[in-house]
């Protein structure tokens, strides 16, 4: 079954590459018989056969992400010794081996791929494309990543070349590869997440014969730490706020030590009496009297108050005369203002 391919460049009249996919990636639908995964893929766990079959059935409905492939000739230019592993395949999968395996498990005849020869420009570019799929996975396996870095070191000729390709230090490359010094059993624990990567790198510095006991000791230490109940440091209580200081009592306000009669006497002496604090009587209780009216001792006469009902209300002039004679000047002025205002 021939593969179908579409090139927008060729449709637009652009120059056709001597090797398809060299300048413009092509989206193809290829038979699985024309494809083979690269041997340099560090991924080891693709799931169970049942998982792969379910994944293939999903691809049968809709394959959103195509695999990335390079031509046989472009691949063998980088690794001539790989011809026995390539066999009769026309394309080598650089990225998307799980999609290829899932399609096989579900019995699908074809797979959507992107043919991009730029991936085969150099060994570093190809291996970087292989590792990129694993680096972008949410469930990235640290051991698989270490295997990929180790493969790059071997194929590129040293850790310096890998560090330069990723713009990292040589120490970063060494840290990535260090997990591969663990025994296979401990590598499995790292892959499953049971053995933390940080602890795994520390144990990897030990001889292989001591690594298992070192991990066992670490497990005992962790279990002992879990068994110890955590004690919380009691929170320090905030100091009680100081009682509010009362302002000193003014002379016009009675203090708590004063008795009630004393307090009332002080208010009587300090607070002026208003017209609303006493009943109205047309009596001059102050010393203000018309001139020429004095007793023999020089004191104003004590006049009898005029009851309200006895006031000559029908004769305003008489009322004015009584008020003038018997009401203090200040009260008369207040009364005049009240009579002239609209509040009455």
Protein backbone atom coordinates (compact mmCIF):
# COMPACT_ATOMS: atom_id res chain seq x y z
CA UNK A 1 0.00 0.00 0.00
CA UNK A 2 1.53 3.29 -1.14
CA UNK A 3 1.76 6.20 1.27
CA UNK A 4 -0.13 9.44 0.64
CA UNK A 5 1.85 12.66 1.01
CA UNK A 6 1.04 16.36 0.71
CA UNK A 7 3.60 19.12 0.14
CA UNK A 8 2.37 22.71 0.26
CA UNK A 9 5.67 23.84 -1.27
CA UNK A 10 5.23 21.68 -4.33
CA UNK A 11 1.63 22.81 -4.73
CA UNK A 12 2.87 26.42 -4.71
CA UNK A 13 5.41 25.72 -7.45
CA UNK A 14 8.48 25.79 -5.18
CA UNK A 15 11.56 23.76 -5.90
CA UNK A 16 11.06 20.06 -5.14
CA UNK A 17 13.74 18.55 -2.86
CA UNK A 18 15.91 15.76 -4.16
CA UNK A 19 15.11 14.09 -0.83
CA UNK A 20 11.44 14.59 0.16
CA UNK A 21 11.08 16.25 3.52
CA UNK A 22 14.50 17.89 3.39
CA UNK A 23 13.29 21.48 3.60
CA UNK A 24 9.54 21.20 4.08
CA UNK A 25 8.20 18.60 6.54
CA UNK A 26 5.59 16.39 4.92
CA UNK A 27 2.50 14.95 6.57
CA UNK A 28 2.18 11.35 5.41
CA UNK A 29 0.02 8.34 6.07
CA UNK A 30 2.36 5.36 5.84
CA UNK A 31 1.87 1.60 6.16
CA UNK A 32 3.34 0.18 9.34
CA UNK A 33 5.42 -2.19 7.22
CA UNK A 34 7.47 0.77 5.96
CA UNK A 35 8.30 1.98 9.49
CA UNK A 36 10.77 0.87 12.13
CA UNK A 37 11.64 2.56 15.47
CA UNK A 38 15.17 3.74 16.11
CA UNK A 39 17.30 1.62 18.38
CA UNK A 40 18.39 4.70 20.31
CA UNK A 41 15.06 5.35 21.97
CA UNK A 42 15.74 5.17 25.76
CA UNK A 43 12.12 4.51 26.63
CA UNK A 44 11.65 1.07 28.18
CA UNK A 45 8.14 1.12 29.57
CA UNK A 46 5.43 1.37 26.90
CA UNK A 47 2.69 -0.20 29.00
CA UNK A 48 1.12 -3.65 28.93
CA UNK A 49 -0.20 -5.27 25.76
CA UNK A 50 -3.72 -4.35 26.88
CA UNK A 51 -2.68 -0.75 27.43
CA UNK A 52 -1.15 -0.57 23.96
CA UNK A 53 -4.26 -2.08 22.37
CA UNK A 54 -6.52 0.48 24.09
CA UNK A 55 -4.19 3.23 22.96
CA UNK A 56 -4.32 1.94 19.39
CA UNK A 57 -8.13 2.01 19.40
CA UNK A 58 -7.96 5.65 20.46
CA UNK A 59 -5.63 6.36 17.52
CA UNK A 60 -8.08 4.60 15.20
CA UNK A 61 -10.74 7.21 16.01
CA UNK A 62 -8.43 10.21 15.85
CA UNK A 63 -4.66 10.62 15.88
CA UNK A 64 -3.98 14.17 16.97
CA UNK A 65 -0.19 13.98 17.09
CA UNK A 66 1.74 12.32 14.25
CA UNK A 67 5.02 10.50 14.69
CA UNK A 68 8.27 12.02 13.39
CA UNK A 69 10.31 10.02 10.89
CA UNK A 70 13.42 10.37 8.74
CA UNK A 71 14.30 8.59 5.55
CA UNK A 72 16.31 5.40 5.50
CA UNK A 73 19.11 7.07 3.57
CA UNK A 74 19.31 10.04 5.91
CA UNK A 75 19.45 7.78 8.95
CA UNK A 76 22.14 5.48 7.54
CA UNK A 77 24.32 8.50 6.72
CA UNK A 78 24.53 9.09 10.45
CA UNK A 79 24.88 5.44 11.46
CA UNK A 80 25.97 3.20 8.59
CA UNK A 81 26.31 0.25 10.96
CA UNK A 82 22.57 0.40 11.74
CA UNK A 83 21.53 -1.13 8.41
CA UNK A 84 20.94 -4.60 9.91
CA UNK A 85 18.61 -3.08 12.50
CA UNK A 86 16.72 -1.03 9.90
CA UNK A 87 16.00 -3.98 7.62
CA UNK A 88 13.77 -3.16 4.64
CA UNK A 89 12.02 -0.18 6.30
CA UNK A 90 11.86 3.02 4.27
CA UNK A 91 11.50 5.35 7.30
CA UNK A 92 12.92 5.33 10.82
CA UNK A 93 10.79 6.64 13.69
CA UNK A 94 12.61 9.26 15.73
CA UNK A 95 9.65 10.29 17.86
CA UNK A 96 6.42 8.35 18.40
CA UNK A 97 7.36 4.72 19.00
CA UNK A 98 4.45 4.20 21.42
CA UNK A 99 2.01 5.33 18.72
CA UNK A 100 3.62 2.80 16.38
CA UNK A 101 3.35 -0.01 18.97
CA UNK A 102 -0.25 0.91 19.81
CA UNK A 103 -1.22 0.78 16.15
CA UNK A 104 0.37 -2.65 15.83
CA UNK A 105 -1.45 -3.92 18.94
CA UNK A 106 -4.83 -2.67 17.65
CA UNK A 107 -4.26 -4.10 14.15
CA UNK A 108 -4.20 -0.74 12.38
CA UNK A 109 -2.63 -0.79 8.89
CA UNK A 110 -1.26 2.78 8.81
CA UNK A 111 0.10 5.59 10.96
CA UNK A 112 0.16 9.36 10.45
CA UNK A 113 3.72 10.68 10.46
CA UNK A 114 5.68 13.85 9.71
CA UNK A 115 8.67 13.28 7.46
CA UNK A 116 11.31 15.81 8.51
CA UNK A 117 14.86 15.35 7.24
CA UNK A 118 16.11 18.25 9.39
CA UNK A 119 15.99 15.81 12.30
CA UNK A 120 18.79 13.82 10.60
CA UNK A 121 21.13 16.78 10.08
CA UNK A 122 23.46 15.41 12.78
CA UNK A 123 23.57 12.72 15.40
CA UNK A 124 22.98 15.33 18.08
CA UNK A 125 19.86 16.65 16.34
CA UNK A 126 18.44 13.15 15.87
CA UNK A 127 19.12 12.02 19.43
CA UNK A 128 17.71 15.31 20.75
CA UNK A 129 14.50 14.67 18.79
CA UNK A 130 14.35 11.19 20.31
CA UNK A 131 14.80 12.50 23.84
CA UNK A 132 12.39 15.42 23.45
CA UNK A 133 9.36 13.16 23.51
CA UNK A 134 10.47 11.61 26.78
CA UNK A 135 11.42 14.97 28.31
CA UNK A 136 7.95 16.36 27.56
CA UNK A 137 6.15 13.45 29.21
CA UNK A 138 4.38 14.14 32.51
CA UNK A 139 5.43 10.69 33.81
CA UNK A 140 9.06 11.14 32.85
CA UNK A 141 11.16 8.19 33.94
CA UNK A 142 14.48 9.49 35.38
CA UNK A 143 16.24 6.25 34.39
CA UNK A 144 15.07 6.57 30.79
CA UNK A 145 16.32 10.14 30.73
CA UNK A 146 19.67 8.98 32.11
CA UNK A 147 19.87 6.29 29.41
CA UNK A 148 19.18 8.92 26.74
CA UNK A 149 21.95 11.19 28.03
CA UNK A 150 24.30 8.22 28.22
CA UNK A 151 23.47 7.35 24.62
CA UNK A 152 24.22 10.90 23.53
CA UNK A 153 27.57 10.83 25.34
CA UNK A 154 28.49 7.62 23.57
CA UNK A 155 27.31 8.73 20.13
CA UNK A 156 28.60 12.30 20.27
CA UNK A 157 32.02 11.40 21.62
CA UNK A 158 31.95 12.64 25.21
CA UNK A 159 30.16 14.57 27.95
CA UNK A 160 31.59 17.88 26.76
CA UNK A 161 29.77 17.60 23.45
CA UNK A 162 26.46 16.83 25.19
CA UNK A 163 26.93 19.70 27.63
CA UNK A 164 27.62 22.05 24.73
CA UNK A 165 24.57 20.85 22.82
CA UNK A 166 22.25 21.53 25.78
CA UNK A 167 24.23 24.59 26.94
CA UNK A 168 24.74 22.92 30.32
CA UNK A 169 27.78 22.20 32.43
CA UNK A 170 29.68 18.95 32.37
CA UNK A 171 28.58 18.43 35.98
CA UNK A 172 24.93 18.52 34.87
CA UNK A 173 25.63 15.72 32.41
CA UNK A 174 27.34 13.68 35.12
CA UNK A 175 24.37 14.13 37.45
CA UNK A 176 21.98 12.85 34.80
CA UNK A 177 24.11 9.75 34.15
CA UNK A 178 24.80 8.98 37.80
CA UNK A 179 21.57 7.01 38.30
CA UNK A 180 22.83 4.38 35.87
CA UNK A 181 25.44 3.36 38.47
CA UNK A 182 22.64 1.94 40.63
CA UNK A 183 21.97 -1.76 40.61
CA UNK A 184 19.11 -2.85 38.30
CA UNK A 185 16.87 -3.47 41.32
CA UNK A 186 17.35 0.07 42.61
CA UNK A 187 16.91 1.51 39.12
CA UNK A 188 13.47 -0.10 39.06
CA UNK A 189 12.64 1.61 42.35
CA UNK A 190 13.68 4.95 40.88
CA UNK A 191 11.50 4.35 37.83
CA UNK A 192 8.50 3.53 40.00
CA UNK A 193 9.07 6.60 42.16
CA UNK A 194 9.63 4.63 45.35
CA UNK A 195 13.29 5.64 45.50
CA UNK A 196 13.68 9.44 45.23
CA UNK A 197 16.08 10.66 42.59
CA UNK A 198 18.10 12.70 45.09
CA UNK A 199 18.60 9.70 47.39
CA UNK A 200 19.33 7.46 44.40
CA UNK A 201 22.17 9.71 43.27
CA UNK A 202 23.69 9.62 46.75
CA UNK A 203 23.51 5.82 46.93
CA UNK A 204 24.89 5.53 43.38
CA UNK A 205 28.22 6.80 44.71
CA UNK A 206 28.62 3.64 46.79
CA UNK A 207 29.98 0.29 45.54
CA UNK A 208 27.22 -1.94 44.10
CA UNK A 209 27.56 -4.39 47.02
CA UNK A 210 26.70 -1.66 49.57
CA UNK A 211 23.83 0.02 47.76
CA UNK A 212 21.05 -2.33 48.86
CA UNK A 213 21.96 -2.07 52.55
CA UNK A 214 22.24 1.72 52.25
CA UNK A 215 18.72 1.92 50.84
CA UNK A 216 17.42 -0.45 53.55
CA UNK A 217 18.95 1.82 56.20
CA UNK A 218 17.33 4.85 54.55
CA UNK A 219 13.95 3.09 54.62
CA UNK A 220 14.32 2.32 58.35
CA UNK A 221 15.26 5.91 59.05
CA UNK A 222 12.21 7.19 57.18
CA UNK A 223 9.89 4.78 58.98
CA UNK A 224 11.32 5.81 62.36
CA UNK A 225 10.78 9.45 61.48
CA UNK A 226 7.15 8.75 60.60
CA UNK A 227 6.59 6.93 63.91
CA UNK A 228 7.74 9.88 66.00
CA UNK A 229 4.73 12.06 66.76
CA UNK A 230 5.15 15.59 65.71
CA UNK A 231 5.01 18.06 68.55
CA UNK A 232 3.76 21.47 67.78
CA UNK A 233 5.35 24.39 69.48
CA UNK A 234 2.63 26.08 71.54
CA UNK A 235 1.82 29.50 70.36
CA UNK A 236 2.81 32.21 72.75
CA UNK A 237 -0.18 34.00 74.06
CA UNK A 238 -0.29 37.67 73.40
CA UNK A 239 0.10 39.86 76.46
CA UNK A 240 -3.13 41.24 77.78
CA UNK A 241 -3.68 44.82 76.70
CA UNK A 242 -3.13 47.44 79.33
CA UNK A 243 -6.31 48.94 80.74
CA UNK A 244 -7.27 52.15 79.09
CA UNK A 245 -6.24 55.14 81.10
CA UNK A 246 -9.15 57.38 81.92
CA UNK A 247 -8.51 61.04 81.33
CA UNK A 248 -8.31 63.11 84.48
CA UNK A 249 -11.67 64.39 85.54
CA UNK A 250 -12.21 68.05 84.89
CA UNK A 251 -13.39 70.34 87.56
CA UNK A 252 -16.84 70.33 86.00
CA UNK A 253 -17.17 66.52 86.22
CA UNK A 254 -17.52 64.64 89.55
CA UNK A 255 -15.00 61.89 90.28
CA UNK A 256 -15.81 58.39 91.53
CA UNK A 257 -14.47 59.30 94.97
CA UNK A 258 -16.98 62.10 95.36
CA UNK A 259 -20.21 61.36 97.09
CA UNK A 260 -23.44 62.04 95.29
CA UNK A 261 -24.28 65.20 97.27
CA UNK A 262 -20.80 66.54 96.68
CA UNK A 263 -21.03 65.82 92.97
CA UNK A 264 -24.40 67.55 92.71
CA UNK A 265 -23.07 70.52 94.61
CA UNK A 266 -20.10 70.75 92.26
CA UNK A 267 -22.36 70.66 89.20
CA UNK A 268 -24.53 73.38 90.71
CA UNK A 269 -21.45 75.56 91.17
CA UNK A 270 -19.81 74.96 87.79
CA UNK A 271 -22.69 74.60 85.33
CA UNK A 272 -24.77 77.72 84.56
CA UNK A 273 -28.46 77.35 84.88
CA UNK A 274 -30.43 77.70 81.68
CA UNK A 275 -33.98 78.75 81.15
CA UNK A 276 -34.96 75.10 80.61
CA UNK A 277 -33.49 74.03 83.96
CA UNK A 278 -35.95 76.05 86.10
CA UNK A 279 -39.62 77.02 85.95
CA UNK A 280 -40.37 80.42 84.48
CA UNK A 281 -41.12 83.12 87.05
CA UNK A 282 -40.98 86.83 86.43
CA UNK A 283 -38.64 87.28 89.39
CA UNK A 284 -35.24 88.91 89.33
CA UNK A 285 -33.07 86.43 91.18
CA UNK A 286 -29.83 88.22 90.21
CA UNK A 287 -28.51 91.48 91.48
CA UNK A 288 -29.62 93.44 88.45
CA UNK A 289 -32.36 95.96 89.40
CA UNK A 290 -33.50 99.25 88.02
CA UNK A 291 -31.46 102.13 89.38
CA UNK A 292 -32.84 103.97 92.40
CA UNK A 293 -34.61 100.93 93.87
CA UNK A 294 -32.61 99.77 96.90
CA UNK A 295 -33.28 98.80 100.49
CA UNK A 296 -31.82 100.66 103.37
CA UNK A 297 -28.91 98.23 103.47
CA UNK A 298 -28.13 98.87 99.71
CA UNK A 299 -29.54 95.49 98.60
CA UNK A 300 -32.29 95.09 95.98
CA UNK A 301 -35.73 94.39 97.39
CA UNK A 302 -36.89 90.80 97.53
CA UNK A 303 -40.02 90.83 95.36
CA UNK A 304 -42.65 88.13 95.54
CA UNK A 305 -42.81 85.98 92.38
CA UNK A 306 -45.82 86.48 90.14
CA UNK A 307 -47.54 83.20 89.37
CA UNK A 308 -47.97 82.45 85.67
CA UNK A 309 -51.74 82.38 85.94
CA UNK A 310 -51.69 85.83 87.58
CA UNK A 311 -49.74 87.46 84.78
CA UNK A 312 -51.78 90.07 82.83
CA UNK A 313 -51.38 88.24 79.51
CA UNK A 314 -54.11 90.34 77.92
CA UNK A 315 -52.11 93.54 78.48
CA UNK A 316 -48.75 93.23 76.66
CA UNK A 317 -47.51 96.55 78.07
CA UNK A 318 -48.18 95.34 81.64
CA UNK A 319 -46.37 92.09 80.93
CA UNK A 320 -43.45 94.00 79.46
CA UNK A 321 -43.29 96.23 82.53
CA UNK A 322 -43.27 93.25 84.92
CA UNK A 323 -40.61 91.51 82.83
CA UNK A 324 -38.48 94.65 82.70
CA UNK A 325 -38.67 95.12 86.46
CA UNK A 326 -38.29 91.54 87.60
CA UNK A 327 -36.25 89.63 84.91
CA UNK A 328 -32.45 89.92 84.67
CA UNK A 329 -31.06 91.66 81.59
CA UNK A 330 -29.53 88.51 80.13
CA UNK A 331 -32.78 86.61 80.44
CA UNK A 332 -34.69 89.51 78.90
CA UNK A 333 -32.38 89.45 75.87
CA UNK A 334 -32.83 85.68 75.55
CA UNK A 335 -36.58 86.06 75.78
CA UNK A 336 -36.55 88.76 73.13
CA UNK A 337 -34.60 86.54 70.74
CA UNK A 338 -37.03 83.69 71.33
CA UNK A 339 -40.02 85.91 70.66
CA UNK A 340 -38.50 87.19 67.44
CA UNK A 341 -37.47 83.74 66.18
CA UNK A 342 -39.67 81.22 64.31
CA UNK A 343 -39.07 78.47 66.85
CA UNK A 344 -42.07 79.41 68.99
